[in-house]
Amino acid sequence: MDIKREDILHLASLSNFNLTNTEIESLGRDLQGIIKYISQLDELDTDGVEPTYQAFEMENVWREDEILEQEASREDLLALTKNEKDNQIKVPKVL
């Protein structure tokens, strides 16, 4: 698979990168090498090998959800903040 200059520019655009000509050429060589390295997997004989979806057995660990007594009261915590409104911590709007 050949990596074209347009492909690199498209990837750079999607990533919001500005690349110089030197960086475009270098990235093209790097991507070509990565694809060549990964394509070696195509040479493996995988007949009769079951697909592995995860490498080790996983299980959920369940515990009782319990409310523990806290050392700090609501008033103590609100006293630590700079901005407080209606008994809650006021934070800047994040969009």
PDB file of N, CA and C in Angstrom:
ATOM      1  N   MET A   1       0.847  -1.181   0.000  1.00  0.00           N
ATOM      2  CA  MET A   1       0.000   0.000   0.000  1.00  0.00           C
ATOM      3  C   MET A   1       0.885   1.234   0.000  1.00  0.00           C
ATOM      4  N   ASP A   2       0.674   2.085  -0.958  1.00  0.00           N
ATOM      5  CA  ASP A   2       1.444   3.322  -1.035  1.00  0.00           C
ATOM      6  C   ASP A   2       0.731   4.433  -0.276  1.00  0.00           C
ATOM      7  N   ILE A   3       1.514   5.176   0.484  1.00  0.00           N
ATOM      8  CA  ILE A   3       0.995   6.346   1.187  1.00  0.00           C
ATOM      9  C   ILE A   3       1.252   7.555   0.295  1.00  0.00           C
ATOM     10  N   LYS A   4       0.190   8.224  -0.088  1.00  0.00           N
ATOM     11  CA  LYS A   4       0.310   9.388  -0.966  1.00  0.00           C
ATOM     12  C   LYS A   4       0.345  10.664  -0.138  1.00  0.00           C
ATOM     13  N   ARG A   5       0.895  11.686  -0.736  1.00  0.00           N
ATOM     14  CA  ARG A   5       0.969  12.997  -0.085  1.00  0.00           C
ATOM     15  C   ARG A   5      -0.424  13.479   0.320  1.00  0.00           C
ATOM     16  N   GLU A   6      -1.413  13.219  -0.536  1.00  0.00           N
ATOM     17  CA  GLU A   6      -2.791  13.639  -0.240  1.00  0.00           C
ATOM     18  C   GLU A   6      -3.318  12.927   1.006  1.00  0.00           C
ATOM     19  N   ASP A   7      -2.927  11.650   1.181  1.00  0.00           N
ATOM     20  CA  ASP A   7      -3.361  10.896   2.360  1.00  0.00           C
ATOM     21  C   ASP A   7      -2.801  11.534   3.634  1.00  0.00           C
ATOM     22  N   ILE A   8      -1.537  11.901   3.581  1.00  0.00           N
ATOM     23  CA  ILE A   8      -0.894  12.511   4.745  1.00  0.00           C
ATOM     24  C   ILE A   8      -1.524  13.868   5.037  1.00  0.00           C
ATOM     25  N   LEU A   9      -1.771  14.640   4.002  1.00  0.00           N
ATOM     26  CA  LEU A   9      -2.406  15.942   4.204  1.00  0.00           C
ATOM     27  C   LEU A   9      -3.816  15.792   4.761  1.00  0.00           C
ATOM     28  N   HIS A  10      -4.521  14.757   4.315  1.00  0.00           N
ATOM     29  CA  HIS A  10      -5.860  14.500   4.843  1.00  0.00           C
ATOM     30  C   HIS A  10      -5.792  14.138   6.327  1.00  0.00           C
ATOM     31  N   LEU A  11      -4.862  13.252   6.689  1.00  0.00           N
ATOM     32  CA  LEU A  11      -4.685  12.885   8.098  1.00  0.00           C
ATOM     33  C   LEU A  11      -4.288  14.099   8.936  1.00  0.00           C
ATOM     34  N   ALA A  12      -3.408  14.922   8.395  1.00  0.00           N
ATOM     35  CA  ALA A  12      -2.990  16.133   9.113  1.00  0.00           C
ATOM     36  C   ALA A  12      -4.169  17.077   9.312  1.00  0.00           C
ATOM     37  N   SER A  13      -5.010  17.172   8.304  1.00  0.00           N
ATOM     38  CA  SER A  13      -6.192  18.029   8.406  1.00  0.00           C
ATOM     39  C   SER A  13      -7.141  17.504   9.476  1.00  0.00           C
ATOM     40  N   LEU A  14      -7.370  16.187   9.488  1.00  0.00           N
ATOM     41  CA  LEU A  14      -8.241  15.594  10.500  1.00  0.00           C
ATOM     42  C   LEU A  14      -7.689  15.779  11.908  1.00  0.00           C
ATOM     43  N   SER A  15      -6.365  15.783  12.024  1.00  0.00           N
ATOM     44  CA  SER A  15      -5.702  15.930  13.325  1.00  0.00           C
ATOM     45  C   SER A  15      -5.438  17.381  13.672  1.00  0.00           C
ATOM     46  N   ASN A  16      -5.787  18.276  12.764  1.00  0.00           N
ATOM     47  CA  ASN A  16      -5.563  19.712  12.953  1.00  0.00           C
ATOM     48  C   ASN A  16      -4.070  20.017  13.123  1.00  0.00           C
ATOM     49  N   PHE A  17      -3.236  19.375  12.290  1.00  0.00           N
ATOM     50  CA  PHE A  17      -1.793  19.597  12.289  1.00  0.00           C
ATOM     51  C   PHE A  17      -1.398  20.421  11.070  1.00  0.00           C
ATOM     52  N   ASN A  18      -0.431  21.277  11.254  1.00  0.00           N
ATOM     53  CA  ASN A  18       0.203  21.963  10.132  1.00  0.00           C
ATOM     54  C   ASN A  18       1.577  21.337   9.958  1.00  0.00           C
ATOM     55  N   LEU A  19       1.823  20.749   8.799  1.00  0.00           N
ATOM     56  CA  LEU A  19       3.084  20.058   8.555  1.00  0.00           C
ATOM     57  C   LEU A  19       3.881  20.771   7.482  1.00  0.00           C
ATOM     58  N   THR A  20       5.204  20.781   7.674  1.00  0.00           N
ATOM     59  CA  THR A  20       6.088  21.302   6.646  1.00  0.00           C
ATOM     60  C   THR A  20       6.309  20.203   5.609  1.00  0.00           C
ATOM     61  N   ASN A  21       6.905  20.565   4.482  1.00  0.00           N
ATOM     62  CA  ASN A  21       7.196  19.564   3.440  1.00  0.00           C
ATOM     63  C   ASN A  21       8.109  18.467   3.969  1.00  0.00           C
ATOM     64  N   THR A  22       9.089  18.853   4.775  1.00  0.00           N
ATOM     65  CA  THR A  22      10.008  17.871   5.352  1.00  0.00           C
ATOM     66  C   THR A  22       9.261  16.915   6.271  1.00  0.00           C
ATOM     67  N   GLU A  23       8.345  17.438   7.081  1.00  0.00           N
ATOM     68  CA  GLU A  23       7.573  16.601   7.994  1.00  0.00           C
ATOM     69  C   GLU A  23       6.638  15.671   7.225  1.00  0.00           C
ATOM     70  N   ILE A  24       6.074  16.149   6.134  1.00  0.00           N
ATOM     71  CA  ILE A  24       5.195  15.313   5.313  1.00  0.00           C
ATOM     72  C   ILE A  24       5.976  14.134   4.739  1.00  0.00           C
ATOM     73  N   GLU A  25       7.169  14.402   4.214  1.00  0.00           N
ATOM     74  CA  GLU A  25       8.000  13.328   3.652  1.00  0.00           C
ATOM     75  C   GLU A  25       8.416  12.342   4.731  1.00  0.00           C
ATOM     76  N   SER A  26       8.823  12.852   5.890  1.00  0.00           N
ATOM     77  CA  SER A  26       9.250  11.997   6.996  1.00  0.00           C
ATOM     78  C   SER A  26       8.091  11.140   7.500  1.00  0.00           C
ATOM     79  N   LEU A  27       6.931  11.741   7.642  1.00  0.00           N
ATOM     80  CA  LEU A  27       5.752  11.009   8.099  1.00  0.00           C
ATOM     81  C   LEU A  27       5.360   9.937   7.090  1.00  0.00           C
ATOM     82  N   GLY A  28       5.478  10.239   5.807  1.00  0.00           N
ATOM     83  CA  GLY A  28       5.183   9.254   4.768  1.00  0.00           C
ATOM     84  C   GLY A  28       6.081   8.039   4.880  1.00  0.00           C
ATOM     85  N   ARG A  29       7.383   8.278   5.094  1.00  0.00           N
ATOM     86  CA  ARG A  29       8.326   7.159   5.261  1.00  0.00           C
ATOM     87  C   ARG A  29       7.991   6.361   6.520  1.00  0.00           C
ATOM     88  N   ASP A  30       7.683   7.059   7.607  1.00  0.00           N
ATOM     89  CA  ASP A  30       7.357   6.378   8.862  1.00  0.00           C
ATOM     90  C   ASP A  30       6.098   5.527   8.719  1.00  0.00           C
ATOM     91  N   LEU A  31       5.056   6.078   8.127  1.00  0.00           N
ATOM     92  CA  LEU A  31       3.816   5.331   7.941  1.00  0.00           C
ATOM     93  C   LEU A  31       4.026   4.133   7.031  1.00  0.00           C
ATOM     94  N   GLN A  32       4.816   4.308   5.982  1.00  0.00           N
ATOM     95  CA  GLN A  32       5.118   3.198   5.065  1.00  0.00           C
ATOM     96  C   GLN A  32       5.829   2.079   5.819  1.00  0.00           C
ATOM     97  N   GLY A  33       6.769   2.436   6.687  1.00  0.00           N
ATOM     98  CA  GLY A  33       7.475   1.433   7.484  1.00  0.00           C
ATOM     99  C   GLY A  33       6.554   0.720   8.461  1.00  0.00           C
ATOM    100  N   ILE A  34       5.639   1.460   9.070  1.00  0.00           N
ATOM    101  CA  ILE A  34       4.695   0.862  10.015  1.00  0.00           C
ATOM    102  C   ILE A  34       3.790  -0.128   9.291  1.00  0.00           C
ATOM    103  N   ILE A  35       3.281   0.265   8.134  1.00  0.00           N
ATOM    104  CA  ILE A  35       2.397  -0.622   7.367  1.00  0.00           C
ATOM    105  C   ILE A  35       3.147  -1.867   6.920  1.00  0.00           C
ATOM    106  N   LYS A  36       4.393  -1.715   6.499  1.00  0.00           N
ATOM    107  CA  LYS A  36       5.202  -2.863   6.081  1.00  0.00           C
ATOM    108  C   LYS A  36       5.420  -3.813   7.263  1.00  0.00           C
ATOM    109  N   TYR A  37       5.692  -3.261   8.430  1.00  0.00           N
ATOM    110  CA  TYR A  37       5.927  -4.078   9.625  1.00  0.00           C
ATOM    111  C   TYR A  37       4.661  -4.837  10.016  1.00  0.00           C
ATOM    112  N   ILE A  38       3.525  -4.164  10.020  1.00  0.00           N
ATOM    113  CA  ILE A  38       2.265  -4.797  10.407  1.00  0.00           C
ATOM    114  C   ILE A  38       1.827  -5.832   9.366  1.00  0.00           C
ATOM    115  N   SER A  39       2.148  -5.591   8.113  1.00  0.00           N
ATOM    116  CA  SER A  39       1.734  -6.528   7.057  1.00  0.00           C
ATOM    117  C   SER A  39       2.419  -7.888   7.201  1.00  0.00           C
ATOM    118  N   GLN A  40       3.461  -7.978   8.005  1.00  0.00           N
ATOM    119  CA  GLN A  40       4.102  -9.273   8.254  1.00  0.00           C
ATOM    120  C   GLN A  40       3.125 -10.236   8.923  1.00  0.00           C
ATOM    121  N   LEU A  41       2.124  -9.702   9.622  1.00  0.00           N
ATOM    122  CA  LEU A  41       1.128 -10.562  10.270  1.00  0.00           C
ATOM    123  C   LEU A  41       0.318 -11.345   9.249  1.00  0.00           C
ATOM    124  N   ASP A  42       0.212 -10.820   8.033  1.00  0.00           N
ATOM    125  CA  ASP A  42      -0.529 -11.520   6.985  1.00  0.00           C
ATOM    126  C   ASP A  42       0.138 -12.846   6.605  1.00  0.00           C
ATOM    127  N   GLU A  43       1.419 -12.987   6.889  1.00  0.00           N
ATOM    128  CA  GLU A  43       2.158 -14.185   6.524  1.00  0.00           C
ATOM    129  C   GLU A  43       1.965 -15.325   7.519  1.00  0.00           C
ATOM    130  N   LEU A  44       1.370 -15.038   8.681  1.00  0.00           N
ATOM    131  CA  LEU A  44       1.194 -16.070   9.701  1.00  0.00           C
ATOM    132  C   LEU A  44       0.099 -17.048   9.305  1.00  0.00           C
ATOM    133  N   ASP A  45       0.346 -18.335   9.582  1.00  0.00           N
ATOM    134  CA  ASP A  45      -0.654 -19.365   9.336  1.00  0.00           C
ATOM    135  C   ASP A  45      -1.532 -19.463  10.579  1.00  0.00           C
ATOM    136  N   THR A  46      -2.777 -19.022  10.467  1.00  0.00           N
ATOM    137  CA  THR A  46      -3.688 -19.011  11.612  1.00  0.00           C
ATOM    138  C   THR A  46      -4.810 -20.026  11.455  1.00  0.00           C
ATOM    139  N   ASP A  47      -4.658 -20.974  10.537  1.00  0.00           N
ATOM    140  CA  ASP A  47      -5.680 -22.010  10.365  1.00  0.00           C
ATOM    141  C   ASP A  47      -5.793 -22.832  11.648  1.00  0.00           C
ATOM    142  N   GLY A  48      -7.006 -23.015  12.120  1.00  0.00           N
ATOM    143  CA  GLY A  48      -7.239 -23.818  13.319  1.00  0.00           C
ATOM    144  C   GLY A  48      -6.993 -23.081  14.617  1.00  0.00           C
ATOM    145  N   VAL A  49      -6.674 -21.807  14.558  1.00  0.00           N
ATOM    146  CA  VAL A  49      -6.430 -21.029  15.775  1.00  0.00           C
ATOM    147  C   VAL A  49      -7.701 -20.266  16.119  1.00  0.00           C
ATOM    148  N   GLU A  50      -8.199 -20.492  17.331  1.00  0.00           N
ATOM    149  CA  GLU A  50      -9.411 -19.798  17.771  1.00  0.00           C
ATOM    150  C   GLU A  50      -9.094 -18.326  18.025  1.00  0.00           C
ATOM    151  N   PRO A  51      -9.996 -17.439  17.609  1.00  0.00           N
ATOM    152  CA  PRO A  51      -9.785 -16.013  17.891  1.00  0.00           C
ATOM    153  C   PRO A  51      -9.767 -15.751  19.394  1.00  0.00           C
ATOM    154  N   THR A  52      -8.909 -14.861  19.811  1.00  0.00           N
ATOM    155  CA  THR A  52      -8.823 -14.469  21.211  1.00  0.00           C
ATOM    156  C   THR A  52      -9.331 -13.045  21.333  1.00  0.00           C
ATOM    157  N   TYR A  53     -10.353 -12.875  22.130  1.00  0.00           N
ATOM    158  CA  TYR A  53     -10.932 -11.546  22.277  1.00  0.00           C
ATOM    159  C   TYR A  53     -10.382 -10.825  23.490  1.00  0.00           C
ATOM    160  N   GLN A  54      -9.904 -11.568  24.458  1.00  0.00           N
ATOM    161  CA  GLN A  54      -9.188 -10.970  25.584  1.00  0.00           C
ATOM    162  C   GLN A  54      -8.196 -11.989  26.092  1.00  0.00           C
ATOM    163  N   ALA A  55      -7.110 -11.488  26.622  1.00  0.00           N
ATOM    164  CA  ALA A  55      -5.992 -12.366  26.950  1.00  0.00           C
ATOM    165  C   ALA A  55      -6.148 -13.078  28.290  1.00  0.00           C
ATOM    166  N   PHE A  56      -6.975 -12.566  29.184  1.00  0.00           N
ATOM    167  CA  PHE A  56      -7.123 -13.203  30.486  1.00  0.00           C
ATOM    168  C   PHE A  56      -8.583 -13.145  30.918  1.00  0.00           C
ATOM    169  N   GLU A  57      -8.928 -14.027  31.814  1.00  0.00           N
ATOM    170  CA  GLU A  57     -10.304 -14.116  32.298  1.00  0.00           C
ATOM    171  C   GLU A  57     -10.635 -12.895  33.155  1.00  0.00           C
ATOM    172  N   MET A  58     -11.759 -12.285  32.826  1.00  0.00           N
ATOM    173  CA  MET A  58     -12.179 -11.111  33.591  1.00  0.00           C
ATOM    174  C   MET A  58     -13.513 -11.407  34.258  1.00  0.00           C
ATOM    175  N   GLU A  59     -13.696 -10.860  35.424  1.00  0.00           N
ATOM    176  CA  GLU A  59     -14.976 -10.979  36.100  1.00  0.00           C
ATOM    177  C   GLU A  59     -15.225  -9.711  36.897  1.00  0.00           C
ATOM    178  N   ASN A  60     -16.479  -9.376  37.032  1.00  0.00           N
ATOM    179  CA  ASN A  60     -16.839  -8.202  37.818  1.00  0.00           C
ATOM    180  C   ASN A  60     -16.637  -8.489  39.299  1.00  0.00           C
ATOM    181  N   VAL A  61     -16.175  -7.501  40.014  1.00  0.00           N
ATOM    182  CA  VAL A  61     -16.024  -7.613  41.453  1.00  0.00           C
ATOM    183  C   VAL A  61     -17.117  -6.748  42.063  1.00  0.00           C
ATOM    184  N   TRP A  62     -18.047  -7.407  42.701  1.00  0.00           N
ATOM    185  CA  TRP A  62     -19.175  -6.689  43.278  1.00  0.00           C
ATOM    186  C   TRP A  62     -18.963  -6.544  44.778  1.00  0.00           C
ATOM    187  N   ARG A  63     -19.370  -5.421  45.296  1.00  0.00           N
ATOM    188  CA  ARG A  63     -19.324  -5.199  46.737  1.00  0.00           C
ATOM    189  C   ARG A  63     -20.575  -4.436  47.127  1.00  0.00           C
ATOM    190  N   GLU A  64     -20.891  -4.481  48.369  1.00  0.00           N
ATOM    191  CA  GLU A  64     -22.037  -3.741  48.870  1.00  0.00           C
ATOM    192  C   GLU A  64     -21.738  -2.250  48.798  1.00  0.00           C
ATOM    193  N   ASP A  65     -22.713  -1.490  48.350  1.00  0.00           N
ATOM    194  CA  ASP A  65     -22.579  -0.043  48.295  1.00  0.00           C
ATOM    195  C   ASP A  65     -23.048   0.512  49.632  1.00  0.00           C
ATOM    196  N   GLU A  66     -22.109   1.044  50.382  1.00  0.00           N
ATOM    197  CA  GLU A  66     -22.468   1.542  51.703  1.00  0.00           C
ATOM    198  C   GLU A  66     -21.953   2.965  51.885  1.00  0.00           C
ATOM    199  N   ILE A  67     -22.691   3.740  52.617  1.00  0.00           N
ATOM    200  CA  ILE A  67     -22.318   5.120  52.900  1.00  0.00           C
ATOM    201  C   ILE A  67     -21.498   5.131  54.181  1.00  0.00           C
ATOM    202  N   LEU A  68     -20.287   5.673  54.082  1.00  0.00           N
ATOM    203  CA  LEU A  68     -19.407   5.731  55.242  1.00  0.00           C
ATOM    204  C   LEU A  68     -19.411   7.146  55.823  1.00  0.00           C
ATOM    205  N   GLU A  69     -19.253   7.225  57.087  1.00  0.00           N
ATOM    206  CA  GLU A  69     -19.210   8.523  57.765  1.00  0.00           C
ATOM    207  C   GLU A  69     -17.952   9.278  57.324  1.00  0.00           C
ATOM    208  N   GLN A  70     -18.114  10.563  57.002  1.00  0.00           N
ATOM    209  CA  GLN A  70     -17.008  11.395  56.555  1.00  0.00           C
ATOM    210  C   GLN A  70     -16.549  12.305  57.694  1.00  0.00           C
ATOM    211  N   GLU A  71     -15.271  12.642  57.681  1.00  0.00           N
ATOM    212  CA  GLU A  71     -14.731  13.500  58.732  1.00  0.00           C
ATOM    213  C   GLU A  71     -15.131  14.958  58.529  1.00  0.00           C
ATOM    214  N   ALA A  72     -15.309  15.374  57.280  1.00  0.00           N
ATOM    215  CA  ALA A  72     -15.626  16.770  56.998  1.00  0.00           C
ATOM    216  C   ALA A  72     -17.123  16.918  56.779  1.00  0.00           C
ATOM    217  N   SER A  73     -17.659  18.011  57.291  1.00  0.00           N
ATOM    218  CA  SER A  73     -19.076  18.295  57.080  1.00  0.00           C
ATOM    219  C   SER A  73     -19.240  19.125  55.812  1.00  0.00           C
ATOM    220  N   ARG A  74     -20.467  19.238  55.347  1.00  0.00           N
ATOM    221  CA  ARG A  74     -20.761  20.054  54.172  1.00  0.00           C
ATOM    222  C   ARG A  74     -20.288  21.487  54.394  1.00  0.00           C
ATOM    223  N   GLU A  75     -20.522  22.010  55.552  1.00  0.00           N
ATOM    224  CA  GLU A  75     -20.120  23.389  55.861  1.00  0.00           C
ATOM    225  C   GLU A  75     -18.603  23.554  55.823  1.00  0.00           C
ATOM    226  N   ASP A  76     -17.882  22.562  56.339  1.00  0.00           N
ATOM    227  CA  ASP A  76     -16.411  22.615  56.308  1.00  0.00           C
ATOM    228  C   ASP A  76     -15.905  22.631  54.860  1.00  0.00           C
ATOM    229  N   LEU A  77     -16.501  21.802  54.011  1.00  0.00           N
ATOM    230  CA  LEU A  77     -16.073  21.740  52.615  1.00  0.00           C
ATOM    231  C   LEU A  77     -16.443  23.007  51.856  1.00  0.00           C
ATOM    232  N   LEU A  78     -17.630  23.546  52.107  1.00  0.00           N
ATOM    233  CA  LEU A  78     -18.032  24.782  51.434  1.00  0.00           C
ATOM    234  C   LEU A  78     -17.163  25.955  51.862  1.00  0.00           C
ATOM    235  N   ALA A  79     -16.642  25.905  53.072  1.00  0.00           N
ATOM    236  CA  ALA A  79     -15.777  26.984  53.565  1.00  0.00           C
ATOM    237  C   ALA A  79     -14.442  27.005  52.819  1.00  0.00           C
ATOM    238  N   LEU A  80     -14.071  25.912  52.161  1.00  0.00           N
ATOM    239  CA  LEU A  80     -12.795  25.831  51.446  1.00  0.00           C
ATOM    240  C   LEU A  80     -12.867  26.435  50.048  1.00  0.00           C
ATOM    241  N   THR A  81     -14.045  26.654  49.537  1.00  0.00           N
ATOM    242  CA  THR A  81     -14.188  27.143  48.172  1.00  0.00           C
ATOM    243  C   THR A  81     -14.278  28.664  48.133  1.00  0.00           C
ATOM    244  N   LYS A  82     -13.909  29.232  46.989  1.00  0.00           N
ATOM    245  CA  LYS A  82     -13.994  30.680  46.820  1.00  0.00           C
ATOM    246  C   LYS A  82     -15.411  31.110  46.497  1.00  0.00           C
ATOM    247  N   ASN A  83     -16.098  30.307  45.687  1.00  0.00           N
ATOM    248  CA  ASN A  83     -17.453  30.660  45.255  1.00  0.00           C
ATOM    249  C   ASN A  83     -18.442  29.603  45.726  1.00  0.00           C
ATOM    250  N   GLU A  84     -19.501  30.060  46.367  1.00  0.00           N
ATOM    251  CA  GLU A  84     -20.522  29.155  46.871  1.00  0.00           C
ATOM    252  C   GLU A  84     -21.873  29.829  46.683  1.00  0.00           C
ATOM    253  N   LYS A  85     -22.850  29.043  46.231  1.00  0.00           N
ATOM    254  CA  LYS A  85     -24.185  29.591  46.019  1.00  0.00           C
ATOM    255  C   LYS A  85     -25.208  28.506  46.348  1.00  0.00           C
ATOM    256  N   ASP A  86     -26.206  28.835  47.100  1.00  0.00           N
ATOM    257  CA  ASP A  86     -27.275  27.905  47.474  1.00  0.00           C
ATOM    258  C   ASP A  86     -26.734  26.620  48.084  1.00  0.00           C
ATOM    259  N   ASN A  87     -25.752  26.770  48.942  1.00  0.00           N
ATOM    260  CA  ASN A  87     -25.175  25.641  49.668  1.00  0.00           C
ATOM    261  C   ASN A  87     -24.474  24.642  48.739  1.00  0.00           C
ATOM    262  N   GLN A  88     -23.971  25.141  47.587  1.00  0.00           N
ATOM    263  CA  GLN A  88     -23.233  24.315  46.633  1.00  0.00           C
ATOM    264  C   GLN A  88     -22.011  25.082  46.150  1.00  0.00           C
ATOM    265  N   ILE A  89     -21.017  24.337  45.676  1.00  0.00           N
ATOM    266  CA  ILE A  89     -19.803  24.967  45.138  1.00  0.00           C
ATOM    267  C   ILE A  89     -20.114  25.479  43.733  1.00  0.00           C
ATOM    268  N   LYS A  90     -19.804  26.737  43.476  1.00  0.00           N
ATOM    269  CA  LYS A  90     -20.039  27.338  42.172  1.00  0.00           C
ATOM    270  C   LYS A  90     -18.749  27.256  41.372  1.00  0.00           C
ATOM    271  N   VAL A  91     -18.840  26.692  40.176  1.00  0.00           N
ATOM    272  CA  VAL A  91     -17.668  26.533  39.313  1.00  0.00           C
ATOM    273  C   VAL A  91     -17.912  27.252  37.998  1.00  0.00           C
ATOM    274  N   PRO A  92     -16.839  27.570  37.255  1.00  0.00           N
ATOM    275  CA  PRO A  92     -17.014  28.229  35.954  1.00  0.00           C
ATOM    276  C   PRO A  92     -17.755  27.308  34.982  1.00  0.00           C
ATOM    277  N   LYS A  93     -18.499  27.923  34.084  1.00  0.00           N
ATOM    278  CA  LYS A  93     -19.224  27.180  33.061  1.00  0.00           C
ATOM    279  C   LYS A  93     -18.224  26.552  32.092  1.00  0.00           C
ATOM    280  N   VAL A  94     -18.430  25.263  31.811  1.00  0.00           N
ATOM    281  CA  VAL A  94     -17.556  24.537  30.885  1.00  0.00           C
ATOM    282  C   VAL A  94     -18.406  24.043  29.723  1.00  0.00           C
ATOM    283  N   LEU A  95     -18.043  24.470  28.520  1.00  0.00           N
ATOM    284  CA  LEU A  95     -18.794  24.061  27.341  1.00  0.00           C
ATOM    285  C   LEU A  95     -17.911  23.334  26.383  1.00  0.00           C
TER     286      LEU A  95
END
